[in-house]
PDB file of N, CA and C in Angstrom:
ATOM      1  N   MET A   1      47.152  65.191  33.009  1.00  0.00           N
ATOM      2  CA  MET A   1      47.411  66.460  33.649  1.00  0.00           C
ATOM      3  C   MET A   1      48.588  66.194  34.723  1.00  0.00           C
ATOM      4  N   ARG A   2      49.629  66.951  34.799  1.00  0.00           N
ATOM      5  CA  ARG A   2      50.710  66.824  35.660  1.00  0.00           C
ATOM      6  C   ARG A   2      50.319  67.041  37.069  1.00  0.00           C
ATOM      7  N   PRO A   3      50.844  66.344  38.107  1.00  0.00           N
ATOM      8  CA  PRO A   3      50.524  66.497  39.481  1.00  0.00           C
ATOM      9  C   PRO A   3      50.599  67.823  40.091  1.00  0.00           C
ATOM     10  N   LYS A   4      51.807  68.567  39.565  1.00  0.00           N
ATOM     11  CA  LYS A   4      51.907  69.917  40.021  1.00  0.00           C
ATOM     12  C   LYS A   4      50.863  70.854  39.599  1.00  0.00           C
ATOM     13  N   THR A   5      50.417  70.778  38.310  1.00  0.00           N
ATOM     14  CA  THR A   5      49.391  71.625  37.755  1.00  0.00           C
ATOM     15  C   THR A   5      48.026  71.226  38.552  1.00  0.00           C
ATOM     16  N   LEU A   6      47.728  70.041  38.764  1.00  0.00           N
ATOM     17  CA  LEU A   6      46.459  69.602  39.559  1.00  0.00           C
ATOM     18  C   LEU A   6      46.537  70.219  40.929  1.00  0.00           C
ATOM     19  N   SER A   7      47.612  70.059  41.540  1.00  0.00           N
ATOM     20  CA  SER A   7      47.684  70.596  43.051  1.00  0.00           C
ATOM     21  C   SER A   7      47.611  72.194  42.959  1.00  0.00           C
ATOM     22  N   LEU A   8      48.051  72.749  42.021  1.00  0.00           N
ATOM     23  CA  LEU A   8      48.072  74.308  41.859  1.00  0.00           C
ATOM     24  C   LEU A   8      46.488  74.648  41.623  1.00  0.00           C
ATOM     25  N   TYR A   9      45.725  73.890  40.900  1.00  0.00           N
ATOM     26  CA  TYR A   9      44.402  74.117  40.670  1.00  0.00           C
ATOM     27  C   TYR A   9      43.582  73.950  41.932  1.00  0.00           C
ATOM     28  N   VAL A  10      43.862  72.908  42.645  1.00  0.00           N
ATOM     29  CA  VAL A  10      43.153  72.614  43.940  1.00  0.00           C
ATOM     30  C   VAL A  10      43.438  73.763  44.909  1.00  0.00           C
ATOM     31  N   LEU A  11      44.685  74.079  45.046  1.00  0.00           N
ATOM     32  CA  LEU A  11      44.997  75.111  45.980  1.00  0.00           C
ATOM     33  C   LEU A  11      44.365  76.466  45.653  1.00  0.00           C
ATOM     34  N   THR A  12      44.328  76.731  44.337  1.00  0.00           N
ATOM     35  CA  THR A  12      43.594  78.042  43.943  1.00  0.00           C
ATOM     36  C   THR A  12      42.155  77.961  44.244  1.00  0.00           C
ATOM     37  N   LEU A  13      41.554  76.743  43.931  1.00  0.00           N
ATOM     38  CA  LEU A  13      40.124  76.620  44.266  1.00  0.00           C
ATOM     39  C   LEU A  13      39.804  76.789  45.711  1.00  0.00           C
ATOM     40  N   LEU A  14      40.677  76.166  46.591  1.00  0.00           N
ATOM     41  CA  LEU A  14      40.432  76.305  48.074  1.00  0.00           C
ATOM     42  C   LEU A  14      40.690  77.764  48.481  1.00  0.00           C
ATOM     43  N   GLY A  15      41.635  78.468  47.958  1.00  0.00           N
ATOM     44  CA  GLY A  15      41.949  79.809  48.357  1.00  0.00           C
ATOM     45  C   GLY A  15      40.668  80.591  47.874  1.00  0.00           C
ATOM     46  N   LEU A  16      40.023  80.460  46.750  1.00  0.00           N
ATOM     47  CA  LEU A  16      38.991  81.276  46.332  1.00  0.00           C
ATOM     48  C   LEU A  16      37.680  81.112  47.136  1.00  0.00           C
ATOM     49  N   THR A  17      37.523  79.717  47.459  1.00  0.00           N
ATOM     50  CA  THR A  17      36.272  79.397  48.354  1.00  0.00           C
ATOM     51  C   THR A  17      36.523  79.942  49.754  1.00  0.00           C
ATOM     52  N   ALA A  18      37.720  79.969  50.269  1.00  0.00           N
ATOM     53  CA  ALA A  18      37.923  80.547  51.612  1.00  0.00           C
ATOM     54  C   ALA A  18      37.790  82.034  51.601  1.00  0.00           C
ATOM     55  N   GLY A  19      38.270  82.602  50.573  1.00  0.00           N
ATOM     56  CA  GLY A  19      38.199  84.100  50.494  1.00  0.00           C
ATOM     57  C   GLY A  19      36.800  84.537  50.278  1.00  0.00           C
ATOM     58  N   CYS A  20      35.840  83.735  49.733  1.00  0.00           N
ATOM     59  CA  CYS A  20      34.417  83.968  49.472  1.00  0.00           C
ATOM     60  C   CYS A  20      33.510  83.668  50.637  1.00  0.00           C
ATOM     61  N   ASP A  21      34.143  83.218  51.835  1.00  0.00           N
ATOM     62  CA  ASP A  21      33.348  82.766  52.999  1.00  0.00           C
ATOM     63  C   ASP A  21      32.529  81.594  52.689  1.00  0.00           C
ATOM     64  N   ALA A  22      32.914  80.694  51.912  1.00  0.00           N
ATOM     65  CA  ALA A  22      32.205  79.528  51.426  1.00  0.00           C
ATOM     66  C   ALA A  22      32.139  78.535  52.590  1.00  0.00           C
ATOM     67  N   PHE A  23      33.150  78.617  53.695  1.00  0.00           N
ATOM     68  CA  PHE A  23      33.174  77.773  54.753  1.00  0.00           C
ATOM     69  C   PHE A  23      32.519  78.392  56.058  1.00  0.00           C
ATOM     70  N   GLY A  24      31.857  79.436  55.706  1.00  0.00           N
ATOM     71  CA  GLY A  24      31.198  80.046  56.949  1.00  0.00           C
ATOM     72  C   GLY A  24      31.591  81.572  57.009  1.00  0.00           C
ATOM     73  N   PRO A  25      30.941  82.335  57.791  1.00  0.00           N
ATOM     74  CA  PRO A  25      31.332  83.749  57.923  1.00  0.00           C
ATOM     75  C   PRO A  25      32.721  84.028  58.464  1.00  0.00           C
ATOM     76  N   ALA A  26      33.321  84.968  57.940  1.00  0.00           N
ATOM     77  CA  ALA A  26      34.639  85.315  58.389  1.00  0.00           C
ATOM     78  C   ALA A  26      34.523  86.063  59.787  1.00  0.00           C
ATOM     79  N   PRO A  27      35.507  85.778  60.644  1.00  0.00           N
ATOM     80  CA  PRO A  27      35.451  86.448  61.925  1.00  0.00           C
ATOM     81  C   PRO A  27      35.606  87.957  61.790  1.00  0.00           C
ATOM     82  N   SER A  28      34.744  88.595  62.606  1.00  0.00           N
ATOM     83  CA  SER A  28      34.983  90.072  62.501  1.00  0.00           C
ATOM     84  C   SER A  28      35.957  90.723  63.308  1.00  0.00           C
ATOM     85  N   LEU A  29      36.523  91.797  62.874  1.00  0.00           N
ATOM     86  CA  LEU A  29      37.508  92.532  63.676  1.00  0.00           C
ATOM     87  C   LEU A  29      36.852  93.636  64.378  1.00  0.00           C
ATOM     88  N   SER A  30      35.974  93.280  65.255  1.00  0.00           N
ATOM     89  CA  SER A  30      35.130  94.301  66.030  1.00  0.00           C
ATOM     90  C   SER A  30      35.747  95.064  67.114  1.00  0.00           C
ATOM     91  N   HIS A  31      36.909  94.859  67.564  1.00  0.00           N
ATOM     92  CA  HIS A  31      37.620  95.675  68.555  1.00  0.00           C
ATOM     93  C   HIS A  31      38.721  96.413  67.905  1.00  0.00           C
ATOM     94  N   ALA A  32      38.917  97.603  68.427  1.00  0.00           N
ATOM     95  CA  ALA A  32      39.986  98.547  67.739  1.00  0.00           C
ATOM     96  C   ALA A  32      40.780  99.224  68.921  1.00  0.00           C
ATOM     97  N   GLY A  33      42.002  99.459  68.755  1.00  0.00           N
ATOM     98  CA  GLY A  33      42.899 100.302  69.510  1.00  0.00           C
ATOM     99  C   GLY A  33      43.832 101.000  68.805  1.00  0.00           C
ATOM    100  N   VAL A  34      44.362 102.129  69.368  1.00  0.00           N
ATOM    101  CA  VAL A  34      45.450 102.877  68.776  1.00  0.00           C
ATOM    102  C   VAL A  34      46.544 103.062  69.800  1.00  0.00           C
ATOM    103  N   THR A  35      47.695 102.922  69.335  1.00  0.00           N
ATOM    104  CA  THR A  35      49.038 103.187  70.230  1.00  0.00           C
ATOM    105  C   THR A  35      50.144 103.957  69.502  1.00  0.00           C
ATOM    106  N   SER A  36      51.043 104.277  70.156  1.00  0.00           N
ATOM    107  CA  SER A  36      52.209 104.806  69.393  1.00  0.00           C
ATOM    108  C   SER A  36      53.243 103.616  69.170  1.00  0.00           C
ATOM    109  N   GLY A  37      54.083 103.955  68.161  1.00  0.00           N
ATOM    110  CA  GLY A  37      55.008 102.937  67.701  1.00  0.00           C
ATOM    111  C   GLY A  37      56.270 103.631  67.358  1.00  0.00           C
ATOM    112  N   CYS A  38      57.227 102.887  66.891  1.00  0.00           N
ATOM    113  CA  CYS A  38      58.579 103.336  66.463  1.00  0.00           C
ATOM    114  C   CYS A  38      58.861 102.915  65.108  1.00  0.00           C
ATOM    115  N   GLY A  39      58.873 103.917  64.125  1.00  0.00           N
ATOM    116  CA  GLY A  39      59.026 103.557  62.677  1.00  0.00           C
ATOM    117  C   GLY A  39      60.357 103.548  62.221  1.00  0.00           C
ATOM    118  N   PRO A  40      60.528 103.719  61.001  1.00  0.00           N
ATOM    119  CA  PRO A  40      61.967 103.697  60.363  1.00  0.00           C
ATOM    120  C   PRO A  40      62.848 104.841  60.956  1.00  0.00           C
ATOM    121  N   ALA A  41      64.012 104.492  61.193  1.00  0.00           N
ATOM    122  CA  ALA A  41      65.035 105.408  61.799  1.00  0.00           C
ATOM    123  C   ALA A  41      64.553 105.849  63.159  1.00  0.00           C
ATOM    124  N   GLY A  42      63.758 105.124  63.846  1.00  0.00           N
ATOM    125  CA  GLY A  42      63.377 105.581  65.155  1.00  0.00           C
ATOM    126  C   GLY A  42      62.312 106.621  65.255  1.00  0.00           C
ATOM    127  N   GLY A  43      61.686 107.017  64.183  1.00  0.00           N
ATOM    128  CA  GLY A  43      60.711 108.075  64.046  1.00  0.00           C
ATOM    129  C   GLY A  43      59.401 107.582  64.664  1.00  0.00           C
ATOM    130  N   PRO A  44      58.596 108.611  65.296  1.00  0.00           N
ATOM    131  CA  PRO A  44      57.362 108.207  65.842  1.00  0.00           C
ATOM    132  C   PRO A  44      56.289 107.823  64.753  1.00  0.00           C
ATOM    133  N   THR A  45      55.442 106.842  65.174  1.00  0.00           N
ATOM    134  CA  THR A  45      54.295 106.377  64.328  1.00  0.00           C
ATOM    135  C   THR A  45      53.110 106.170  65.163  1.00  0.00           C
ATOM    136  N   VAL A  46      51.984 106.084  64.436  1.00  0.00           N
ATOM    137  CA  VAL A  46      50.752 105.794  65.146  1.00  0.00           C
ATOM    138  C   VAL A  46      50.401 104.332  64.547  1.00  0.00           C
ATOM    139  N   VAL A  47      49.954 103.426  65.538  1.00  0.00           N
ATOM    140  CA  VAL A  47      49.584 102.063  65.103  1.00  0.00           C
ATOM    141  C   VAL A  47      48.112 101.846  65.383  1.00  0.00           C
ATOM    142  N   LEU A  48      47.354 101.463  64.412  1.00  0.00           N
ATOM    143  CA  LEU A  48      46.022 101.215  64.507  1.00  0.00           C
ATOM    144  C   LEU A  48      45.852  99.616  64.592  1.00  0.00           C
ATOM    145  N   ILE A  49      45.068  99.088  65.517  1.00  0.00           N
ATOM    146  CA  ILE A  49      44.996  97.642  65.705  1.00  0.00           C
ATOM    147  C   ILE A  49      43.484  97.298  65.685  1.00  0.00           C
ATOM    148  N   LEU A  50      43.168  96.285  64.875  1.00  0.00           N
ATOM    149  CA  LEU A  50      41.818  95.720  64.739  1.00  0.00           C
ATOM    150  C   LEU A  50      42.029  94.282  65.129  1.00  0.00           C
ATOM    151  N   SER A  51      41.022  93.887  66.033  1.00  0.00           N
ATOM    152  CA  SER A  51      41.143  92.506  66.630  1.00  0.00           C
ATOM    153  C   SER A  51      39.846  91.843  66.801  1.00  0.00           C
ATOM    154  N   HIS A  52      39.747  90.553  66.773  1.00  0.00           N
ATOM    155  CA  HIS A  52      38.645  89.759  66.968  1.00  0.00           C
ATOM    156  C   HIS A  52      38.335  89.693  68.536  1.00  0.00           C
ATOM    157  N   ARG A  53      39.287  89.787  69.338  1.00  0.00           N
ATOM    158  CA  ARG A  53      39.102  89.796  70.794  1.00  0.00           C
ATOM    159  C   ARG A  53      39.357  91.228  71.333  1.00  0.00           C
ATOM    160  N   PRO A  54      38.950  91.535  72.593  1.00  0.00           N
ATOM    161  CA  PRO A  54      39.241  92.665  73.247  1.00  0.00           C
ATOM    162  C   PRO A  54      40.789  93.019  73.234  1.00  0.00           C
ATOM    163  N   ILE A  55      41.172  94.270  73.053  1.00  0.00           N
ATOM    164  CA  ILE A  55      42.608  94.622  73.139  1.00  0.00           C
ATOM    165  C   ILE A  55      42.953  95.097  74.545  1.00  0.00           C
ATOM    166  N   GLY A  56      44.050  94.361  75.057  1.00  0.00           N
ATOM    167  CA  GLY A  56      44.548  94.771  76.373  1.00  0.00           C
ATOM    168  C   GLY A  56      46.019  95.249  76.300  1.00  0.00           C
ATOM    169  N   SER A  57      46.693  95.159  77.382  1.00  0.00           N
ATOM    170  CA  SER A  57      48.079  95.593  77.387  1.00  0.00           C
ATOM    171  C   SER A  57      49.005  94.398  77.145  1.00  0.00           C
ATOM    172  N   GLY A  58      48.519  93.249  76.974  1.00  0.00           N
ATOM    173  CA  GLY A  58      49.370  92.019  76.751  1.00  0.00           C
ATOM    174  C   GLY A  58      49.472  91.761  75.347  1.00  0.00           C
ATOM    175  N   GLN A  59      49.987  90.552  75.004  1.00  0.00           N
ATOM    176  CA  GLN A  59      50.224  90.202  73.706  1.00  0.00           C
ATOM    177  C   GLN A  59      48.912  89.956  72.877  1.00  0.00           C
ATOM    178  N   LEU A  60      48.921  90.392  71.663  1.00  0.00           N
ATOM    179  CA  LEU A  60      47.668  90.244  70.766  1.00  0.00           C
ATOM    180  C   LEU A  60      47.475  88.831  70.453  1.00  0.00           C
ATOM    181  N   ILE A  61      46.262  88.368  70.357  1.00  0.00           N
ATOM    182  CA  ILE A  61      45.968  87.072  69.988  1.00  0.00           C
ATOM    183  C   ILE A  61      45.284  87.089  68.619  1.00  0.00           C
ATOM    184  N   THR A  62      45.783  86.206  67.697  1.00  0.00           N
ATOM    185  CA  THR A  62      45.295  86.130  66.446  1.00  0.00           C
ATOM    186  C   THR A  62      43.822  85.685  66.345  1.00  0.00           C
ATOM    187  N   PRO A  63      42.965  86.162  65.446  1.00  0.00           N
ATOM    188  CA  PRO A  63      43.336  87.041  64.298  1.00  0.00           C
ATOM    189  C   PRO A  63      43.269  88.486  64.743  1.00  0.00           C
ATOM    190  N   TYR A  64      44.222  89.267  64.203  1.00  0.00           N
ATOM    191  CA  TYR A  64      44.225  90.705  64.288  1.00  0.00           C
ATOM    192  C   TYR A  64      45.013  91.269  63.173  1.00  0.00           C
ATOM    193  N   VAL A  65      44.832  92.597  62.936  1.00  0.00           N
ATOM    194  CA  VAL A  65      45.500  93.447  61.973  1.00  0.00           C
ATOM    195  C   VAL A  65      46.044  94.665  62.595  1.00  0.00           C
ATOM    196  N   ASP A  66      47.314  94.962  62.315  1.00  0.00           N
ATOM    197  CA  ASP A  66      47.808  96.169  62.770  1.00  0.00           C
ATOM    198  C   ASP A  66      48.446  96.995  61.543  1.00  0.00           C
ATOM    199  N   VAL A  67      48.045  98.215  61.502  1.00  0.00           N
ATOM    200  CA  VAL A  67      48.490  99.115  60.450  1.00  0.00           C
ATOM    201  C   VAL A  67      49.345 100.254  61.124  1.00  0.00           C
ATOM    202  N   GLU A  68      50.464 100.496  60.587  1.00  0.00           N
ATOM    203  CA  GLU A  68      51.366 101.582  61.107  1.00  0.00           C
ATOM    204  C   GLU A  68      51.432 102.643  60.177  1.00  0.00           C
ATOM    205  N   PHE A  69      51.055 103.833  60.756  1.00  0.00           N
ATOM    206  CA  PHE A  69      51.151 105.191  59.887  1.00  0.00           C
ATOM    207  C   PHE A  69      52.338 105.982  60.278  1.00  0.00           C
ATOM    208  N   THR A  70      53.072 106.379  59.187  1.00  0.00           N
ATOM    209  CA  THR A  70      54.362 107.191  59.359  1.00  0.00           C
ATOM    210  C   THR A  70      54.113 108.505  58.686  1.00  0.00           C
ATOM    211  N   GLN A  71      54.917 109.431  59.040  1.00  0.00           N
ATOM    212  CA  GLN A  71      54.881 110.689  58.372  1.00  0.00           C
ATOM    213  C   GLN A  71      56.064 110.984  57.653  1.00  0.00           C
ATOM    214  N   ASN A  72      56.036 111.229  56.362  1.00  0.00           N
ATOM    215  CA  ASN A  72      57.235 111.430  55.548  1.00  0.00           C
ATOM    216  C   ASN A  72      57.614 112.998  55.766  1.00  0.00           C
ATOM    217  N   MET A  73      58.782 113.178  56.208  1.00  0.00           N
ATOM    218  CA  MET A  73      59.214 114.605  56.519  1.00  0.00           C
ATOM    219  C   MET A  73      60.019 115.260  55.351  1.00  0.00           C
ATOM    220  N   THR A  74      59.993 114.729  54.167  1.00  0.00           N
ATOM    221  CA  THR A  74      60.828 115.285  53.048  1.00  0.00           C
ATOM    222  C   THR A  74      59.971 116.442  52.308  1.00  0.00           C
TER     223      THR A  74
END
């Protein structure tokens, strides 16, 4: 088996086990916040933030997820 193929299999296996919480429970994103944002062409947006730690007015600390909602005006 070629080294590249073997390393691809190993990386795939590690990714699958990490995605299935085989190394322990995944951290929950138990804190949420909503703020306004600036979208494409300067339009207003709503940003939903989910975080592992409490959300304040400072820089977000990973792990966190932010989702930006825009409105299409066409």
